[in-house]
């Protein structure tokens, strides 16, 4: 993903009013949705919609690299390669969110 931020904390603070409790709740909601998105990405018929939805959610909370990977996958000629990049970016995003949630308030 190059030098793109995995988690843009300034954006996340802006979108949540820097409310730590709200941020932790948003992180939890995002994690809960990942299982559903992952299952949909594994299906031949639903992966584009799942990637599109994931892109919007990622942008909303400042997961810029994940959003970029999703956008690239939406238009990729090789859907398997695009989805592999999305999965990699998603794992990185989950790691960044885990680190964020573990930090002291």
N, C-alpha and C. Protein backbone atom coordinates (compact mmCIF):
# COMPACT_ATOMS: atom_id res chain seq x y z
N UNK A 1 0.81 -1.20 0.00
CA UNK A 1 0.00 0.00 0.00
C UNK A 1 0.85 1.26 0.00
N UNK A 2 2.16 1.12 -0.04
CA UNK A 2 3.01 2.29 -0.11
C UNK A 2 3.04 3.06 1.18
N UNK A 3 3.05 4.39 1.07
CA UNK A 3 3.16 5.24 2.25
C UNK A 3 1.80 5.69 2.78
N UNK A 4 0.73 5.15 2.22
CA UNK A 4 -0.60 5.54 2.66
C UNK A 4 -0.83 5.08 4.11
N UNK A 5 -1.46 5.93 4.88
CA UNK A 5 -1.77 5.58 6.26
C UNK A 5 -2.72 4.39 6.32
N UNK A 6 -2.45 3.51 7.26
CA UNK A 6 -3.39 2.41 7.49
C UNK A 6 -4.59 2.97 8.24
N UNK A 7 -4.33 3.70 9.33
CA UNK A 7 -5.40 4.35 10.09
C UNK A 7 -5.05 5.82 10.25
N UNK A 8 -5.85 6.67 9.65
CA UNK A 8 -5.67 8.12 9.75
C UNK A 8 -6.39 8.57 11.02
N UNK A 9 -5.62 8.71 12.09
CA UNK A 9 -6.22 9.04 13.39
C UNK A 9 -6.82 10.43 13.43
N UNK A 10 -6.28 11.35 12.67
CA UNK A 10 -6.85 12.70 12.62
C UNK A 10 -8.27 12.62 12.03
N UNK A 11 -8.41 11.86 10.96
CA UNK A 11 -9.72 11.69 10.34
C UNK A 11 -10.68 10.98 11.30
N UNK A 12 -10.20 9.93 11.94
CA UNK A 12 -11.03 9.17 12.88
C UNK A 12 -11.47 10.08 14.03
N UNK A 13 -10.56 10.89 14.56
CA UNK A 13 -10.92 11.85 15.61
C UNK A 13 -11.98 12.82 15.11
N UNK A 14 -11.79 13.31 13.89
CA UNK A 14 -12.73 14.26 13.32
C UNK A 14 -14.13 13.65 13.20
N UNK A 15 -14.19 12.42 12.70
CA UNK A 15 -15.48 11.77 12.46
C UNK A 15 -16.19 11.37 13.75
N UNK A 16 -15.44 11.24 14.84
CA UNK A 16 -16.02 10.81 16.11
C UNK A 16 -15.98 11.89 17.18
N UNK A 17 -15.57 13.07 16.81
CA UNK A 17 -15.44 14.14 17.79
C UNK A 17 -14.40 13.81 18.85
N UNK A 18 -13.45 12.94 18.50
CA UNK A 18 -12.39 12.49 19.41
C UNK A 18 -12.96 11.86 20.69
N UNK A 19 -14.18 11.36 20.61
CA UNK A 19 -14.84 10.70 21.75
C UNK A 19 -14.33 9.26 21.81
N UNK A 20 -13.49 8.98 22.80
CA UNK A 20 -12.84 7.68 22.90
C UNK A 20 -13.85 6.53 23.03
N UNK A 21 -14.88 6.73 23.81
CA UNK A 21 -15.89 5.67 23.96
C UNK A 21 -16.58 5.39 22.63
N UNK A 22 -16.88 6.44 21.89
CA UNK A 22 -17.50 6.26 20.57
C UNK A 22 -16.53 5.56 19.62
N UNK A 23 -15.27 5.94 19.67
CA UNK A 23 -14.28 5.31 18.81
C UNK A 23 -14.18 3.81 19.08
N UNK A 24 -14.16 3.43 20.34
CA UNK A 24 -14.08 2.01 20.70
C UNK A 24 -15.34 1.28 20.21
N UNK A 25 -16.48 1.94 20.31
CA UNK A 25 -17.72 1.34 19.82
C UNK A 25 -17.67 1.15 18.30
N UNK A 26 -17.18 2.15 17.59
CA UNK A 26 -17.06 2.08 16.13
C UNK A 26 -16.09 0.96 15.73
N UNK A 27 -14.98 0.85 16.44
CA UNK A 27 -14.02 -0.22 16.16
C UNK A 27 -14.70 -1.58 16.35
N UNK A 28 -15.47 -1.73 17.40
CA UNK A 28 -16.18 -2.98 17.65
C UNK A 28 -17.19 -3.29 16.56
N UNK A 29 -17.92 -2.28 16.12
CA UNK A 29 -18.90 -2.49 15.04
C UNK A 29 -18.20 -2.88 13.74
N UNK A 30 -17.09 -2.24 13.46
CA UNK A 30 -16.34 -2.56 12.25
C UNK A 30 -15.87 -4.00 12.30
N UNK A 31 -15.31 -4.41 13.43
CA UNK A 31 -14.85 -5.80 13.58
C UNK A 31 -15.99 -6.79 13.38
N UNK A 32 -17.17 -6.48 13.91
CA UNK A 32 -18.31 -7.38 13.77
C UNK A 32 -18.71 -7.54 12.29
N UNK A 33 -18.60 -6.47 11.54
CA UNK A 33 -18.98 -6.51 10.13
C UNK A 33 -17.97 -7.27 9.26
N UNK A 34 -16.73 -7.34 9.72
CA UNK A 34 -15.67 -7.97 8.92
C UNK A 34 -16.03 -9.41 8.55
N UNK A 35 -16.58 -10.15 9.49
CA UNK A 35 -16.93 -11.55 9.20
C UNK A 35 -17.94 -11.62 8.05
N UNK A 36 -18.93 -10.77 8.09
CA UNK A 36 -19.93 -10.76 7.02
C UNK A 36 -19.32 -10.36 5.68
N UNK A 37 -18.50 -9.32 5.69
CA UNK A 37 -17.85 -8.88 4.45
C UNK A 37 -16.93 -9.96 3.91
N UNK A 38 -16.20 -10.61 4.80
CA UNK A 38 -15.26 -11.65 4.37
C UNK A 38 -16.01 -12.80 3.70
N UNK A 39 -17.13 -13.20 4.29
CA UNK A 39 -17.93 -14.27 3.69
C UNK A 39 -18.46 -13.86 2.32
N UNK A 40 -18.92 -12.63 2.21
CA UNK A 40 -19.44 -12.14 0.93
C UNK A 40 -18.33 -12.03 -0.11
N UNK A 41 -17.14 -11.66 0.31
CA UNK A 41 -16.03 -11.55 -0.64
C UNK A 41 -15.63 -12.93 -1.17
N UNK A 42 -15.93 -13.97 -0.41
CA UNK A 42 -15.60 -15.33 -0.84
C UNK A 42 -16.60 -15.88 -1.85
N UNK A 43 -17.74 -15.22 -1.97
CA UNK A 43 -18.76 -15.70 -2.91
C UNK A 43 -18.59 -15.05 -4.27
N UNK A 44 -18.79 -15.84 -5.29
CA UNK A 44 -18.61 -15.34 -6.66
C UNK A 44 -19.58 -14.21 -6.99
N UNK A 45 -20.78 -14.27 -6.45
CA UNK A 45 -21.79 -13.30 -6.81
C UNK A 45 -21.82 -12.04 -5.97
N UNK A 46 -21.28 -12.07 -4.76
CA UNK A 46 -21.46 -10.93 -3.88
C UNK A 46 -20.22 -10.15 -3.51
N UNK A 47 -19.09 -10.51 -4.10
CA UNK A 47 -17.86 -9.88 -3.64
C UNK A 47 -17.78 -8.40 -3.99
N UNK A 48 -18.26 -7.99 -5.15
CA UNK A 48 -18.16 -6.57 -5.53
C UNK A 48 -18.97 -5.68 -4.58
N UNK A 49 -20.16 -6.11 -4.25
CA UNK A 49 -20.98 -5.33 -3.32
C UNK A 49 -20.31 -5.27 -1.94
N UNK A 50 -19.76 -6.38 -1.49
CA UNK A 50 -19.08 -6.41 -0.19
C UNK A 50 -17.88 -5.47 -0.19
N UNK A 51 -17.09 -5.51 -1.26
CA UNK A 51 -15.91 -4.65 -1.36
C UNK A 51 -16.33 -3.18 -1.40
N UNK A 52 -17.41 -2.88 -2.11
CA UNK A 52 -17.90 -1.51 -2.19
C UNK A 52 -18.35 -1.02 -0.80
N UNK A 53 -19.06 -1.85 -0.08
CA UNK A 53 -19.53 -1.49 1.26
C UNK A 53 -18.35 -1.32 2.21
N UNK A 54 -17.41 -2.23 2.13
CA UNK A 54 -16.21 -2.15 2.96
C UNK A 54 -15.44 -0.87 2.67
N UNK A 55 -15.37 -0.50 1.39
CA UNK A 55 -14.67 0.74 1.00
C UNK A 55 -15.29 1.96 1.70
N UNK A 56 -16.61 2.04 1.69
CA UNK A 56 -17.28 3.17 2.33
C UNK A 56 -17.05 3.21 3.83
N UNK A 57 -17.13 2.05 4.46
CA UNK A 57 -16.91 1.99 5.91
C UNK A 57 -15.47 2.34 6.24
N UNK A 58 -14.55 1.84 5.45
CA UNK A 58 -13.13 2.14 5.68
C UNK A 58 -12.86 3.64 5.55
N UNK A 59 -13.40 4.24 4.51
CA UNK A 59 -13.21 5.69 4.33
C UNK A 59 -13.79 6.48 5.50
N UNK A 60 -14.94 6.03 5.98
CA UNK A 60 -15.61 6.75 7.05
C UNK A 60 -14.82 6.83 8.34
N UNK A 61 -13.98 5.83 8.59
CA UNK A 61 -13.23 5.86 9.85
C UNK A 61 -11.74 6.07 9.66
N UNK A 62 -11.32 6.36 8.43
CA UNK A 62 -9.93 6.73 8.21
C UNK A 62 -9.00 5.57 7.88
N UNK A 63 -9.55 4.47 7.39
CA UNK A 63 -8.73 3.35 6.96
C UNK A 63 -8.43 3.53 5.47
N UNK A 64 -7.55 4.48 5.18
CA UNK A 64 -7.30 4.93 3.81
C UNK A 64 -6.73 3.85 2.91
N UNK A 65 -5.77 3.08 3.40
CA UNK A 65 -5.15 2.06 2.57
C UNK A 65 -6.16 0.96 2.22
N UNK A 66 -7.00 0.61 3.16
CA UNK A 66 -8.03 -0.39 2.90
C UNK A 66 -9.03 0.14 1.87
N UNK A 67 -9.45 1.37 2.01
CA UNK A 67 -10.38 1.96 1.04
C UNK A 67 -9.76 1.97 -0.35
N UNK A 68 -8.48 2.30 -0.45
CA UNK A 68 -7.80 2.33 -1.75
C UNK A 68 -7.73 0.93 -2.35
N UNK A 69 -7.45 -0.09 -1.53
CA UNK A 69 -7.40 -1.46 -2.03
C UNK A 69 -8.77 -1.90 -2.53
N UNK A 70 -9.80 -1.51 -1.81
CA UNK A 70 -11.17 -1.85 -2.24
C UNK A 70 -11.51 -1.19 -3.56
N UNK A 71 -11.16 0.07 -3.68
CA UNK A 71 -11.44 0.79 -4.92
C UNK A 71 -10.72 0.14 -6.10
N UNK A 72 -9.47 -0.24 -5.89
CA UNK A 72 -8.71 -0.90 -6.95
C UNK A 72 -9.34 -2.25 -7.31
N UNK A 73 -9.81 -2.99 -6.31
CA UNK A 73 -10.41 -4.30 -6.57
C UNK A 73 -11.70 -4.19 -7.36
N UNK A 74 -12.45 -3.12 -7.11
CA UNK A 74 -13.72 -2.93 -7.82
C UNK A 74 -13.53 -2.86 -9.33
N UNK A 75 -12.39 -2.37 -9.77
CA UNK A 75 -12.15 -2.19 -11.20
C UNK A 75 -11.08 -3.12 -11.75
N UNK A 76 -10.56 -4.00 -10.91
CA UNK A 76 -9.48 -4.89 -11.34
C UNK A 76 -9.95 -5.89 -12.39
N UNK A 77 -9.10 -6.13 -13.36
CA UNK A 77 -9.40 -7.16 -14.36
C UNK A 77 -9.24 -8.54 -13.75
N UNK A 78 -8.30 -8.67 -12.83
CA UNK A 78 -8.05 -9.94 -12.14
C UNK A 78 -8.66 -9.83 -10.74
N UNK A 79 -9.87 -10.31 -10.59
CA UNK A 79 -10.58 -10.15 -9.32
C UNK A 79 -9.87 -10.87 -8.18
N UNK A 80 -9.22 -12.00 -8.46
CA UNK A 80 -8.52 -12.72 -7.39
C UNK A 80 -7.37 -11.90 -6.83
N UNK A 81 -6.60 -11.27 -7.70
CA UNK A 81 -5.50 -10.42 -7.25
C UNK A 81 -6.03 -9.22 -6.48
N UNK A 82 -7.10 -8.62 -6.98
CA UNK A 82 -7.70 -7.48 -6.29
C UNK A 82 -8.21 -7.86 -4.92
N UNK A 83 -8.86 -9.01 -4.82
CA UNK A 83 -9.37 -9.48 -3.53
C UNK A 83 -8.24 -9.84 -2.59
N UNK A 84 -7.16 -10.38 -3.11
CA UNK A 84 -6.00 -10.69 -2.26
C UNK A 84 -5.45 -9.41 -1.64
N UNK A 85 -5.39 -8.34 -2.43
CA UNK A 85 -4.92 -7.05 -1.91
C UNK A 85 -5.89 -6.51 -0.85
N UNK A 86 -7.18 -6.69 -1.07
CA UNK A 86 -8.17 -6.25 -0.09
C UNK A 86 -7.98 -7.02 1.22
N UNK A 87 -7.80 -8.33 1.11
CA UNK A 87 -7.61 -9.14 2.33
C UNK A 87 -6.36 -8.72 3.10
N UNK A 88 -5.28 -8.44 2.37
CA UNK A 88 -4.05 -7.99 3.01
C UNK A 88 -4.28 -6.65 3.71
N UNK A 89 -4.91 -5.72 3.01
CA UNK A 89 -5.18 -4.39 3.60
C UNK A 89 -6.14 -4.51 4.78
N UNK A 90 -7.10 -5.41 4.69
CA UNK A 90 -8.05 -5.62 5.78
C UNK A 90 -7.33 -6.14 7.02
N UNK A 91 -6.42 -7.08 6.84
CA UNK A 91 -5.65 -7.59 7.98
C UNK A 91 -4.80 -6.48 8.61
N UNK A 92 -4.20 -5.64 7.78
CA UNK A 92 -3.42 -4.52 8.30
C UNK A 92 -4.32 -3.53 9.05
N UNK A 93 -5.50 -3.29 8.50
CA UNK A 93 -6.44 -2.36 9.14
C UNK A 93 -6.89 -2.91 10.48
N UNK A 94 -7.20 -4.20 10.53
CA UNK A 94 -7.62 -4.80 11.81
C UNK A 94 -6.50 -4.73 12.83
N UNK A 95 -5.27 -4.91 12.40
CA UNK A 95 -4.13 -4.76 13.31
C UNK A 95 -4.01 -3.35 13.84
N UNK A 96 -4.19 -2.38 12.97
CA UNK A 96 -4.12 -0.97 13.39
C UNK A 96 -5.25 -0.63 14.35
N UNK A 97 -6.44 -1.15 14.09
CA UNK A 97 -7.57 -0.90 14.99
C UNK A 97 -7.36 -1.58 16.33
N UNK A 98 -6.78 -2.77 16.31
CA UNK A 98 -6.47 -3.49 17.56
C UNK A 98 -5.49 -2.68 18.40
N UNK A 99 -4.47 -2.16 17.74
CA UNK A 99 -3.48 -1.34 18.44
C UNK A 99 -4.14 -0.08 18.98
N UNK A 100 -4.96 0.56 18.19
CA UNK A 100 -5.66 1.76 18.61
C UNK A 100 -6.51 1.48 19.85
N UNK A 101 -7.27 0.38 19.82
CA UNK A 101 -8.16 0.05 20.93
C UNK A 101 -7.38 -0.30 22.20
N UNK A 102 -6.18 -0.84 22.03
CA UNK A 102 -5.39 -1.25 23.19
C UNK A 102 -4.67 -0.09 23.88
N UNK A 103 -4.55 1.03 23.19
CA UNK A 103 -3.85 2.18 23.76
C UNK A 103 -4.66 2.79 24.88
N UNK A 104 -3.93 3.32 25.83
CA UNK A 104 -4.59 4.00 26.96
C UNK A 104 -5.34 5.22 26.46
N UNK A 105 -6.50 5.50 27.06
CA UNK A 105 -7.30 6.66 26.63
C UNK A 105 -6.58 7.98 26.82
